[in-house]
Structures are given as C-alpha cells and as structure tokens.
Protein backbone atom coordinates (compact mmCIF):
# COMPACT_ATOMS: atom_id res chain seq x y z
CA MET A 1 -30.75 -1.07 -6.54
CA LYS A 2 -28.12 -1.52 -3.72
CA LEU A 3 -24.97 -2.33 -4.83
CA VAL A 4 -21.99 -2.95 -2.60
CA ILE A 5 -18.33 -3.28 -2.89
CA ILE A 6 -16.96 -5.26 -0.14
CA ASN A 7 -14.35 -3.16 1.53
CA TYR A 8 -11.57 -5.29 3.49
CA GLY A 9 -8.34 -3.14 2.74
CA ALA A 10 -7.38 -5.19 -0.54
CA GLY A 11 -9.00 -3.18 -3.41
CA ASN A 12 -8.94 -1.70 -6.67
CA ILE A 13 -11.99 0.17 -5.26
CA LYS A 14 -11.92 3.84 -6.68
CA SER A 15 -11.80 2.22 -10.36
CA ILE A 16 -14.56 -0.14 -9.75
CA GLN A 17 -16.67 2.92 -8.27
CA PHE A 18 -16.08 5.11 -11.15
CA ALA A 19 -16.94 2.30 -13.63
CA PHE A 20 -20.40 1.89 -12.00
CA ASN A 21 -20.92 5.86 -11.78
CA ARG A 22 -20.42 5.67 -15.46
CA LEU A 23 -23.40 3.27 -15.65
CA GLY A 24 -25.60 5.66 -13.50
CA LEU A 25 -25.26 3.68 -10.14
CA GLU A 26 -23.51 4.69 -6.70
CA ALA A 27 -21.65 1.82 -5.34
CA GLU A 28 -21.25 1.77 -1.56
CA LEU A 29 -18.17 0.84 0.18
CA SER A 30 -18.74 -1.52 3.42
CA ASP A 31 -17.21 -4.02 5.71
CA ASP A 32 -20.23 -3.82 7.85
CA PRO A 33 -21.84 -7.49 7.63
CA GLU A 34 -25.54 -6.13 8.04
CA VAL A 35 -24.91 -3.61 4.91
CA ILE A 36 -23.28 -6.52 2.97
CA GLN A 37 -26.20 -8.84 3.69
CA ALA A 38 -28.61 -6.32 2.78
CA ALA A 39 -27.05 -5.63 -0.80
CA ASP A 40 -28.93 -6.47 -3.93
CA LYS A 41 -25.62 -7.13 -5.64
CA LEU A 42 -21.93 -7.35 -4.06
CA ILE A 43 -18.54 -6.95 -5.67
CA PHE A 44 -15.75 -8.63 -3.94
CA PRO A 45 -12.44 -6.86 -5.51
CA GLY A 46 -8.76 -7.45 -4.78
CA VAL A 47 -5.42 -6.25 -5.59
CA GLY A 48 -2.42 -7.35 -3.90
CA GLU A 49 -0.69 -10.54 -2.02
CA ALA A 50 -3.55 -13.51 -1.48
CA ASN A 51 -2.09 -14.40 2.21
CA SER A 52 -2.46 -10.70 3.54
CA ALA A 53 -5.76 -10.16 1.80
CA MET A 54 -7.22 -13.50 3.52
CA THR A 55 -5.82 -12.31 6.83
CA MET A 56 -7.82 -9.07 6.38
CA LEU A 57 -10.98 -11.04 5.72
CA LYS A 58 -10.40 -13.39 8.62
CA LYS A 59 -9.91 -10.33 11.08
CA SER A 60 -13.29 -8.93 10.17
CA GLY A 61 -15.21 -12.23 10.04
CA LEU A 62 -16.05 -11.75 6.27
CA ASP A 63 -14.11 -15.27 5.44
CA HIS A 64 -17.25 -16.69 7.04
CA LEU A 65 -19.92 -14.12 5.58
CA ILE A 66 -18.78 -14.20 2.04
CA PRO A 67 -19.73 -17.95 1.27
CA GLU A 68 -23.05 -17.77 2.88
CA LEU A 69 -24.13 -14.71 0.64
CA LYS A 70 -27.39 -15.41 -1.38
CA GLN A 71 -27.28 -12.53 -3.97
CA PRO A 72 -25.17 -12.40 -6.71
CA VAL A 73 -21.40 -11.72 -5.87
CA LEU A 74 -18.77 -10.78 -8.50
CA GLY A 75 -15.14 -11.28 -7.64
CA ILE A 76 -12.58 -9.42 -9.63
CA CYS A 77 -8.84 -10.64 -9.92
CA LEU A 78 -7.60 -11.63 -6.49
CA GLY A 79 -11.12 -11.47 -5.31
CA MET A 80 -12.05 -14.29 -7.62
CA GLN A 81 -8.67 -16.05 -6.59
CA LEU A 82 -9.70 -15.86 -2.94
CA MET A 83 -13.05 -17.55 -3.68
CA CYS A 84 -11.18 -20.74 -4.79
CA ASN A 85 -10.11 -23.43 -2.71
CA TYR A 86 -6.44 -22.74 -2.47
CA THR A 87 -3.83 -20.26 -3.84
CA GLU A 88 -0.13 -21.06 -4.18
CA GLU A 89 0.49 -17.56 -3.35
CA GLY A 90 1.54 -17.31 0.05
CA ASN A 91 0.50 -20.99 0.52
CA THR A 92 -3.35 -19.69 1.13
CA GLN A 93 -6.57 -21.70 1.95
CA GLY A 94 -9.16 -19.82 0.08
CA LEU A 95 -13.10 -19.46 0.65
CA GLY A 96 -13.81 -22.86 -1.03
CA ILE A 97 -16.54 -21.49 -3.41
CA PHE A 98 -14.85 -22.50 -6.66
CA GLN A 99 -13.83 -26.02 -6.67
CA THR A 100 -9.98 -25.49 -7.93
CA GLU A 101 -6.80 -24.13 -7.16
CA VAL A 102 -4.85 -20.99 -8.05
CA LYS A 103 -1.07 -21.61 -9.54
CA ARG A 104 1.92 -19.55 -10.23
CA PHE A 105 2.27 -18.86 -13.93
CA SER A 106 5.57 -21.15 -14.99
CA LYS A 107 9.04 -19.39 -14.78
CA GLY A 108 9.57 -19.07 -18.53
CA LEU A 109 6.54 -16.55 -18.69
CA LYS A 110 6.85 -13.06 -18.19
CA VAL A 111 4.93 -12.17 -15.00
CA PRO A 112 2.81 -10.61 -14.23
CA GLN A 113 0.71 -11.07 -17.25
CA MET A 114 -0.16 -7.32 -17.84
CA GLY A 115 -2.24 -5.80 -20.59
CA TRP A 116 -4.87 -6.95 -23.23
CA ASN A 117 -5.61 -10.77 -23.78
CA VAL A 118 -8.73 -12.49 -24.88
CA ILE A 119 -11.49 -14.36 -23.48
CA LYS A 120 -13.10 -17.36 -25.16
CA ASP A 121 -15.25 -20.43 -24.55
CA LEU A 122 -17.82 -18.02 -22.96
CA LYS A 123 -20.67 -19.75 -21.02
CA SER A 124 -23.00 -17.67 -18.92
CA GLU A 125 -25.58 -14.70 -19.12
CA LEU A 126 -22.42 -12.58 -17.73
CA PHE A 127 -21.22 -12.28 -21.11
CA GLU A 128 -24.51 -11.38 -23.00
CA GLY A 129 -23.48 -9.31 -25.90
CA ILE A 130 -19.99 -10.25 -25.65
CA LYS A 131 -18.18 -11.73 -28.49
CA GLU A 132 -15.51 -14.79 -28.42
CA ASN A 133 -12.34 -13.54 -28.53
CA GLU A 134 -13.07 -10.44 -26.91
CA TYR A 135 -10.04 -8.60 -25.20
CA MET A 136 -10.29 -7.63 -21.54
CA TYR A 137 -7.41 -6.13 -19.19
CA LEU A 138 -5.66 -8.35 -16.97
CA VAL A 139 -2.85 -8.09 -14.35
CA HIS A 140 -1.92 -11.21 -12.59
CA SER A 141 1.00 -13.47 -11.80
CA TYR A 142 -1.29 -16.24 -10.63
CA TYR A 143 -4.16 -18.33 -12.53
CA ALA A 144 -7.16 -20.45 -11.64
CA GLU A 145 -7.21 -24.15 -12.90
CA HIS A 146 -9.92 -25.39 -15.07
CA CYS A 147 -12.75 -26.86 -13.18
CA GLN A 148 -16.66 -27.63 -14.05
CA GLU A 149 -17.50 -23.95 -13.05
CA THR A 150 -15.14 -22.57 -15.75
CA ILE A 151 -17.16 -20.01 -17.86
CA ALA A 152 -14.63 -18.45 -19.70
CA THR A 153 -10.85 -19.21 -20.77
CA THR A 154 -7.59 -17.38 -21.74
CA ASP A 155 -4.23 -18.43 -22.97
CA TYR A 156 -1.23 -17.27 -21.63
CA GLY A 157 1.40 -19.85 -21.95
CA VAL A 158 -1.38 -22.04 -20.31
CA ASN A 159 -5.11 -22.32 -20.91
CA TYR A 160 -6.59 -21.29 -17.77
CA ALA A 161 -10.16 -20.07 -16.31
CA SER A 162 -10.46 -16.41 -16.73
CA ALA A 163 -14.06 -16.58 -15.35
CA LEU A 164 -15.93 -19.06 -12.93
CA LYS A 165 -19.49 -19.37 -11.85
CA HIS A 166 -20.92 -21.39 -8.87
CA GLU A 167 -24.64 -20.67 -7.98
CA ASN A 168 -24.90 -16.96 -7.28
CA PHE A 169 -20.93 -16.36 -7.21
CA TYR A 170 -19.24 -15.06 -10.29
CA GLY A 171 -15.48 -14.51 -10.38
CA VAL A 172 -13.48 -12.80 -13.17
CA GLN A 173 -9.66 -12.99 -13.43
CA PHE A 174 -9.60 -9.67 -15.78
CA HIS A 175 -10.63 -6.12 -14.76
CA PRO A 176 -14.01 -5.35 -16.06
CA GLU A 177 -13.86 -1.95 -14.97
CA LYS A 178 -10.69 -1.34 -16.93
CA SER A 179 -11.87 -3.08 -20.26
CA SER A 180 -13.43 -0.38 -22.15
CA VAL A 181 -16.72 -0.93 -23.65
CA ALA A 182 -16.80 -4.70 -23.35
CA GLY A 183 -15.75 -4.44 -19.56
CA ALA A 184 -18.71 -2.13 -19.02
CA ARG A 185 -20.97 -4.43 -20.93
CA ILE A 186 -19.88 -7.15 -18.49
CA LEU A 187 -20.71 -4.89 -15.30
CA GLU A 188 -24.21 -4.31 -16.78
CA ASN A 189 -24.77 -7.81 -17.41
CA PHE A 190 -24.06 -8.59 -13.95
CA LEU A 191 -26.32 -5.90 -12.49
CA LYS A 192 -29.18 -7.49 -14.76
CA LEU A 193 -28.53 -10.90 -12.93
C-alpha cells in the first residue's frame, strides 16, 4: 500500500510517520501532485496557523488538488479545519470539503484545549473497535461546528465536531498519532478503508 503524507510545510509530520512505522508501514512525504494522486491513502496533517497554512497550499496548487482526490484522505487537526468551508482563524476560506465553519473557543475557556478528552457519538468505520468516551489527545484553540458530516463529538465548553466525514474525506480534530493504543487503532482502521 502506498501511503503519502501531504507535505506543505505545516506539519506534525515526524510523529505521524513514526506512528505508521509502528504499524509496519513506511509513509512517504510529498508535495508532488503526481505522487499524491498515485497514493492509495493520504494523510493531510497540519499544525500552526490556518491563514499561513492556506497560503502555502495555494502556492503549491494543492488547494485545487486536494478537494479533487478520490482515494481516502485523513485530515488531522489543522488539516481537518482547512477542509471546512471557513475558519475564524485569520479569517480564512477553507477547501470547502466539509460543510461547516471553524470557530474560536469562547473567551472564558483556557485555550488551547490541550491534553486528553473523550470522543463520543461515534459513527463511522473509522471508529471500528473504539468505545464511546474513549480518550484522545487534543491541542487546539478552534473547533468545527456540528454539521451533517459529524462522525464524533467532544465537549469543551461547547459540544463540537471532533471528527467529520464526506465521501472519501475524513477529518479528526484530535491527534491519533499521539493517542496511544486507541489512536493507533484509528490509523489502522483508516488503512483498511
């Protein structure tokens, strides 16, 4: 299986590569459209600020390529947020894959939400073998609002979409690569899609 991590300069890429190595799979890093299109599965990572990440995607033309992909794509953290219509962070238009918007947590909450929190209301083969209220590791100041594509929720001052799915596109707000055994199971499930 050819697994490619989309490399556009906004990544938690090493930890994702190590997580797949532990599962016995070598993940290739690439920003080459031909390599990306030829992959069996794709990871769309992201750490950092939405507006500068989107600028990097536009520079490389990946903003047009990613929404056209036909194989399974997993967006992680900022990667998932960039797949939404819009994010308040930097007043940024997203890729428009998920029909929802990304909002900043309210001022009364400690941001970023950092550490372990539970995911629930699980609805997808991505969560095969994962129990309700399983703990996942999160680091974020913005959250995706609920929509028809919500496949998991989390509470942090507000109940929000911690995972989304649209056709071949999946997104998770949490970091499966840092979420111990349950996170590794989610990555394995993604490889089986």
